[in-house]
PDB file of N, CA and C in Angstrom:
ATOM      1  N   UNK A   1     -21.646  16.791  17.428  1.00  0.00           N
ATOM      2  CA  UNK A   1     -21.158  17.931  17.306  1.00  0.00           C
ATOM      3  C   UNK A   1     -20.995  17.861  15.493  1.00  0.00           C
ATOM      4  N   UNK A   2     -20.981  18.944  14.790  1.00  0.00           N
ATOM      5  CA  UNK A   2     -20.822  18.905  13.384  1.00  0.00           C
ATOM      6  C   UNK A   2     -19.449  19.840  13.262  1.00  0.00           C
ATOM      7  N   UNK A   3     -18.660  19.498  12.448  1.00  0.00           N
ATOM      8  CA  UNK A   3     -17.702  20.278  12.165  1.00  0.00           C
ATOM      9  C   UNK A   3     -17.754  20.998  10.506  1.00  0.00           C
ATOM     10  N   UNK A   4     -17.887  22.192  10.606  1.00  0.00           N
ATOM     11  CA  UNK A   4     -17.783  22.921   9.171  1.00  0.00           C
ATOM     12  C   UNK A   4     -16.803  22.688   8.400  1.00  0.00           C
ATOM     13  N   UNK A   5     -16.767  21.888   7.157  1.00  0.00           N
ATOM     14  CA  UNK A   5     -15.793  21.739   6.518  1.00  0.00           C
ATOM     15  C   UNK A   5     -15.898  22.968   5.486  1.00  0.00           C
ATOM     16  N   UNK A   6     -14.318  23.573   5.105  1.00  0.00           N
ATOM     17  CA  UNK A   6     -14.141  24.409   4.207  1.00  0.00           C
ATOM     18  C   UNK A   6     -12.957  24.075   3.159  1.00  0.00           C
ATOM     19  N   UNK A   7     -12.779  24.607   2.096  1.00  0.00           N
ATOM     20  CA  UNK A   7     -11.496  24.164   1.288  1.00  0.00           C
ATOM     21  C   UNK A   7     -10.337  24.230   1.917  1.00  0.00           C
ATOM     22  N   UNK A   8     -10.219  25.471   2.751  1.00  0.00           N
ATOM     23  CA  UNK A   8      -9.036  25.925   3.214  1.00  0.00           C
ATOM     24  C   UNK A   8      -8.338  24.893   4.390  1.00  0.00           C
ATOM     25  N   UNK A   9      -9.161  24.011   4.533  1.00  0.00           N
ATOM     26  CA  UNK A   9      -8.967  22.603   5.475  1.00  0.00           C
ATOM     27  C   UNK A   9      -7.955  21.976   4.649  1.00  0.00           C
ATOM     28  N   UNK A  10      -8.056  21.948   3.390  1.00  0.00           N
ATOM     29  CA  UNK A  10      -7.116  21.145   2.756  1.00  0.00           C
ATOM     30  C   UNK A  10      -5.933  21.581   2.328  1.00  0.00           C
ATOM     31  N   UNK A  11      -5.903  22.951   2.495  1.00  0.00           N
ATOM     32  CA  UNK A  11      -4.743  23.687   2.498  1.00  0.00           C
ATOM     33  C   UNK A  11      -4.040  23.434   3.464  1.00  0.00           C
ATOM     34  N   UNK A  12      -4.618  23.385   4.737  1.00  0.00           N
ATOM     35  CA  UNK A  12      -3.833  23.054   6.082  1.00  0.00           C
ATOM     36  C   UNK A  12      -3.341  21.654   6.264  1.00  0.00           C
ATOM     37  N   UNK A  13      -4.189  20.959   5.860  1.00  0.00           N
ATOM     38  CA  UNK A  13      -4.005  19.294   5.757  1.00  0.00           C
ATOM     39  C   UNK A  13      -2.587  19.257   4.915  1.00  0.00           C
ATOM     40  N   UNK A  14      -2.313  19.945   3.767  1.00  0.00           N
ATOM     41  CA  UNK A  14      -1.459  19.966   2.866  1.00  0.00           C
ATOM     42  C   UNK A  14      -0.157  20.267   3.619  1.00  0.00           C
ATOM     43  N   UNK A  15      -0.064  21.433   4.307  1.00  0.00           N
ATOM     44  CA  UNK A  15       1.070  21.858   5.016  1.00  0.00           C
ATOM     45  C   UNK A  15       1.437  20.887   6.149  1.00  0.00           C
ATOM     46  N   UNK A  16       0.528  20.509   6.863  1.00  0.00           N
ATOM     47  CA  UNK A  16       0.954  19.458   8.000  1.00  0.00           C
ATOM     48  C   UNK A  16       1.398  18.187   7.198  1.00  0.00           C
ATOM     49  N   UNK A  17       0.899  17.724   6.552  1.00  0.00           N
ATOM     50  CA  UNK A  17       1.397  16.390   5.600  1.00  0.00           C
ATOM     51  C   UNK A  17       2.909  16.751   5.270  1.00  0.00           C
ATOM     52  N   UNK A  18       2.931  17.870   4.640  1.00  0.00           N
ATOM     53  CA  UNK A  18       4.471  17.955   4.099  1.00  0.00           C
ATOM     54  C   UNK A  18       5.661  18.195   5.474  1.00  0.00           C
ATOM     55  N   UNK A  19       4.899  18.904   6.719  1.00  0.00           N
ATOM     56  CA  UNK A  19       5.878  19.065   7.791  1.00  0.00           C
ATOM     57  C   UNK A  19       6.193  17.660   8.361  1.00  0.00           C
ATOM     58  N   UNK A  20       4.922  16.941   8.406  1.00  0.00           N
ATOM     59  CA  UNK A  20       5.388  15.464   8.754  1.00  0.00           C
ATOM     60  C   UNK A  20       6.149  14.581   7.906  1.00  0.00           C
ATOM     61  N   UNK A  21       6.434  14.975   6.917  1.00  0.00           N
ATOM     62  CA  UNK A  21       7.142  14.145   6.089  1.00  0.00           C
ATOM     63  C   UNK A  21       8.633  14.701   6.041  1.00  0.00           C
ATOM     64  N   UNK A  22       9.038  15.686   6.743  1.00  0.00           N
ATOM     65  CA  UNK A  22      10.134  16.153   6.847  1.00  0.00           C
ATOM     66  C   UNK A  22      10.559  17.412   5.893  1.00  0.00           C
ATOM     67  N   UNK A  23       9.708  17.714   5.018  1.00  0.00           N
ATOM     68  CA  UNK A  23      10.150  18.740   3.967  1.00  0.00           C
ATOM     69  C   UNK A  23      10.426  20.118   4.586  1.00  0.00           C
ATOM     70  N   UNK A  24      11.663  20.832   4.062  1.00  0.00           N
ATOM     71  CA  UNK A  24      12.179  21.801   4.766  1.00  0.00           C
ATOM     72  C   UNK A  24      10.943  22.994   4.702  1.00  0.00           C
ATOM     73  N   UNK A  25      11.207  23.928   5.796  1.00  0.00           N
ATOM     74  CA  UNK A  25       9.984  25.244   5.806  1.00  0.00           C
ATOM     75  C   UNK A  25      10.146  25.738   4.586  1.00  0.00           C
ATOM     76  N   UNK A  26      11.042  26.021   4.017  1.00  0.00           N
ATOM     77  CA  UNK A  26      11.004  26.921   2.757  1.00  0.00           C
ATOM     78  C   UNK A  26      10.585  26.245   1.670  1.00  0.00           C
ATOM     79  N   UNK A  27      10.402  25.094   1.445  1.00  0.00           N
ATOM     80  CA  UNK A  27       9.885  24.512   0.748  1.00  0.00           C
ATOM     81  C   UNK A  27       8.268  24.106   0.506  1.00  0.00           C
ATOM     82  N   UNK A  28       7.702  24.210   1.880  1.00  0.00           N
ATOM     83  CA  UNK A  28       6.724  24.317   2.596  1.00  0.00           C
ATOM     84  C   UNK A  28       5.835  25.633   1.939  1.00  0.00           C
ATOM     85  N   UNK A  29       6.539  26.968   2.532  1.00  0.00           N
ATOM     86  CA  UNK A  29       6.312  27.883   2.175  1.00  0.00           C
ATOM     87  C   UNK A  29       6.168  28.199   0.614  1.00  0.00           C
ATOM     88  N   UNK A  30       7.189  27.823  -0.275  1.00  0.00           N
ATOM     89  CA  UNK A  30       6.785  27.981  -1.582  1.00  0.00           C
ATOM     90  C   UNK A  30       5.680  27.044  -2.073  1.00  0.00           C
ATOM     91  N   UNK A  31       5.402  25.975  -1.726  1.00  0.00           N
ATOM     92  CA  UNK A  31       4.384  25.348  -2.300  1.00  0.00           C
ATOM     93  C   UNK A  31       3.226  25.863  -1.916  1.00  0.00           C
ATOM     94  N   UNK A  32       3.013  26.343  -0.693  1.00  0.00           N
ATOM     95  CA  UNK A  32       1.742  27.115  -0.266  1.00  0.00           C
ATOM     96  C   UNK A  32       1.360  28.350  -0.887  1.00  0.00           C
ATOM     97  N   UNK A  33       2.634  29.115  -1.344  1.00  0.00           N
ATOM     98  CA  UNK A  33       2.628  30.184  -1.686  1.00  0.00           C
ATOM     99  C   UNK A  33       2.435  31.384  -0.641  1.00  0.00           C
ATOM    100  N   UNK A  34       3.034  31.069   0.646  1.00  0.00           N
ATOM    101  CA  UNK A  34       3.193  32.392   1.563  1.00  0.00           C
ATOM    102  C   UNK A  34       3.906  33.245   1.133  1.00  0.00           C
ATOM    103  N   UNK A  35       3.821  34.502   1.334  1.00  0.00           N
ATOM    104  CA  UNK A  35       5.020  35.453   1.128  1.00  0.00           C
ATOM    105  C   UNK A  35       5.739  35.608   2.411  1.00  0.00           C
ATOM    106  N   UNK A  36       5.437  35.471   3.548  1.00  0.00           N
ATOM    107  CA  UNK A  36       6.052  35.373   4.603  1.00  0.00           C
ATOM    108  C   UNK A  36       6.351  34.039   5.375  1.00  0.00           C
ATOM    109  N   UNK A  37       7.393  33.626   5.866  1.00  0.00           N
ATOM    110  CA  UNK A  37       7.643  32.426   6.669  1.00  0.00           C
ATOM    111  C   UNK A  37       6.993  32.330   7.978  1.00  0.00           C
ATOM    112  N   UNK A  38       6.745  33.324   8.388  1.00  0.00           N
ATOM    113  CA  UNK A  38       5.565  33.222   9.635  1.00  0.00           C
ATOM    114  C   UNK A  38       4.392  32.626   9.390  1.00  0.00           C
ATOM    115  N   UNK A  39       3.920  32.676   8.407  1.00  0.00           N
ATOM    116  CA  UNK A  39       2.645  31.722   7.929  1.00  0.00           C
ATOM    117  C   UNK A  39       2.822  30.203   8.082  1.00  0.00           C
ATOM    118  N   UNK A  40       4.120  30.149   7.471  1.00  0.00           N
ATOM    119  CA  UNK A  40       4.416  28.623   7.316  1.00  0.00           C
ATOM    120  C   UNK A  40       4.962  27.736   8.430  1.00  0.00           C
ATOM    121  N   UNK A  41       5.533  28.534   9.233  1.00  0.00           N
ATOM    122  CA  UNK A  41       5.906  27.968  10.695  1.00  0.00           C
ATOM    123  C   UNK A  41       4.936  27.386  11.366  1.00  0.00           C
ATOM    124  N   UNK A  42       3.638  27.653  11.333  1.00  0.00           N
ATOM    125  CA  UNK A  42       2.635  27.313  11.803  1.00  0.00           C
ATOM    126  C   UNK A  42       2.552  25.477  11.516  1.00  0.00           C
ATOM    127  N   UNK A  43       2.675  25.245  10.576  1.00  0.00           N
ATOM    128  CA  UNK A  43       2.738  23.872  10.360  1.00  0.00           C
ATOM    129  C   UNK A  43       3.952  23.069  10.963  1.00  0.00           C
ATOM    130  N   UNK A  44       5.340  23.593  10.808  1.00  0.00           N
ATOM    131  CA  UNK A  44       6.221  22.970  11.201  1.00  0.00           C
ATOM    132  C   UNK A  44       6.422  23.152  12.781  1.00  0.00           C
ATOM    133  N   UNK A  45       6.131  24.092  13.428  1.00  0.00           N
ATOM    134  CA  UNK A  45       6.172  24.397  14.755  1.00  0.00           C
ATOM    135  C   UNK A  45       5.512  23.463  15.461  1.00  0.00           C
ATOM    136  N   UNK A  46       4.462  22.476  15.110  1.00  0.00           N
ATOM    137  CA  UNK A  46       3.756  21.784  15.746  1.00  0.00           C
ATOM    138  C   UNK A  46       4.243  20.134  15.376  1.00  0.00           C
ATOM    139  N   UNK A  47       5.355  20.170  14.635  1.00  0.00           N
ATOM    140  CA  UNK A  47       5.880  18.839  14.211  1.00  0.00           C
ATOM    141  C   UNK A  47       6.910  18.167  15.089  1.00  0.00           C
ATOM    142  N   UNK A  48       6.635  17.715  16.104  1.00  0.00           N
ATOM    143  CA  UNK A  48       7.642  17.214  16.920  1.00  0.00           C
ATOM    144  C   UNK A  48       8.667  16.370  16.298  1.00  0.00           C
ATOM    145  N   UNK A  49       8.599  15.877  15.499  1.00  0.00           N
ATOM    146  CA  UNK A  49       9.354  14.615  14.744  1.00  0.00           C
ATOM    147  C   UNK A  49      10.405  15.348  14.271  1.00  0.00           C
ATOM    148  N   UNK A  50      10.574  16.831  13.978  1.00  0.00           N
ATOM    149  CA  UNK A  50      11.653  17.497  13.100  1.00  0.00           C
ATOM    150  C   UNK A  50      12.888  17.432  14.367  1.00  0.00           C
ATOM    151  N   UNK A  51      12.768  17.223  15.659  1.00  0.00           N
ATOM    152  CA  UNK A  51      13.589  17.088  16.440  1.00  0.00           C
ATOM    153  C   UNK A  51      14.404  15.838  16.339  1.00  0.00           C
ATOM    154  N   UNK A  52      13.758  14.771  15.826  1.00  0.00           N
ATOM    155  CA  UNK A  52      14.263  13.395  15.904  1.00  0.00           C
ATOM    156  C   UNK A  52      15.686  13.105  15.382  1.00  0.00           C
ATOM    157  N   UNK A  53      16.165  13.919  14.495  1.00  0.00           N
ATOM    158  CA  UNK A  53      17.310  13.794  13.934  1.00  0.00           C
ATOM    159  C   UNK A  53      18.524  14.042  14.723  1.00  0.00           C
ATOM    160  N   UNK A  54      18.012  14.863  15.747  1.00  0.00           N
ATOM    161  CA  UNK A  54      19.302  15.367  16.668  1.00  0.00           C
ATOM    162  C   UNK A  54      19.483  14.161  17.891  1.00  0.00           C
ATOM    163  N   UNK A  55      20.916  14.335  18.049  1.00  0.00           N
ATOM    164  CA  UNK A  55      20.895  13.422  19.326  1.00  0.00           C
ATOM    165  C   UNK A  55      21.069  14.186  20.535  1.00  0.00           C
ATOM    166  N   UNK A  56      20.016  13.739  21.386  1.00  0.00           N
ATOM    167  CA  UNK A  56      19.641  14.694  22.776  1.00  0.00           C
ATOM    168  C   UNK A  56      20.189  13.988  24.175  1.00  0.00           C
ATOM    169  N   UNK A  57      21.067  13.205  23.823  1.00  0.00           N
ATOM    170  CA  UNK A  57      21.867  12.696  24.981  1.00  0.00           C
ATOM    171  C   UNK A  57      22.720  13.617  25.602  1.00  0.00           C
ATOM    172  N   UNK A  58      22.653  13.501  26.843  1.00  0.00           N
ATOM    173  CA  UNK A  58      23.366  14.811  27.650  1.00  0.00           C
ATOM    174  C   UNK A  58      24.716  14.302  28.416  1.00  0.00           C
ATOM    175  N   UNK A  59      25.293  12.931  27.932  1.00  0.00           N
ATOM    176  CA  UNK A  59      26.003  12.238  28.750  1.00  0.00           C
ATOM    177  C   UNK A  59      27.419  13.151  28.158  1.00  0.00           C
ATOM    178  N   UNK A  60      28.513  13.440  29.021  1.00  0.00           N
ATOM    179  CA  UNK A  60      29.622  13.924  28.773  1.00  0.00           C
ATOM    180  C   UNK A  60      30.579  12.910  28.290  1.00  0.00           C
ATOM    181  N   UNK A  61      31.303  13.404  27.454  1.00  0.00           N
ATOM    182  CA  UNK A  61      32.257  12.499  26.489  1.00  0.00           C
ATOM    183  C   UNK A  61      33.561  12.606  27.593  1.00  0.00           C
ATOM    184  N   UNK A  62      34.262  11.139  27.595  1.00  0.00           N
ATOM    185  CA  UNK A  62      35.336  11.254  28.439  1.00  0.00           C
ATOM    186  C   UNK A  62      36.399  12.020  27.607  1.00  0.00           C
ATOM    187  N   UNK A  63      37.526  12.577  28.214  1.00  0.00           N
ATOM    188  CA  UNK A  63      38.645  12.989  27.620  1.00  0.00           C
ATOM    189  C   UNK A  63      39.625  12.039  27.094  1.00  0.00           C
TER     190      UNK A  63
END
């Protein structure tokens, strides 16, 4: 199976790389030159690491 490689793939790679490194979505938007944030969230929405900074424990605190 062959994959057709094109220059725009580098742009996508850059977006995913910055998202994986934890850069804010607005910074990625500026770097890639997106006019709309909707084009940028493609990169950040697929990055599950962005949730690692939150405490997801559901234990209730004692009064």
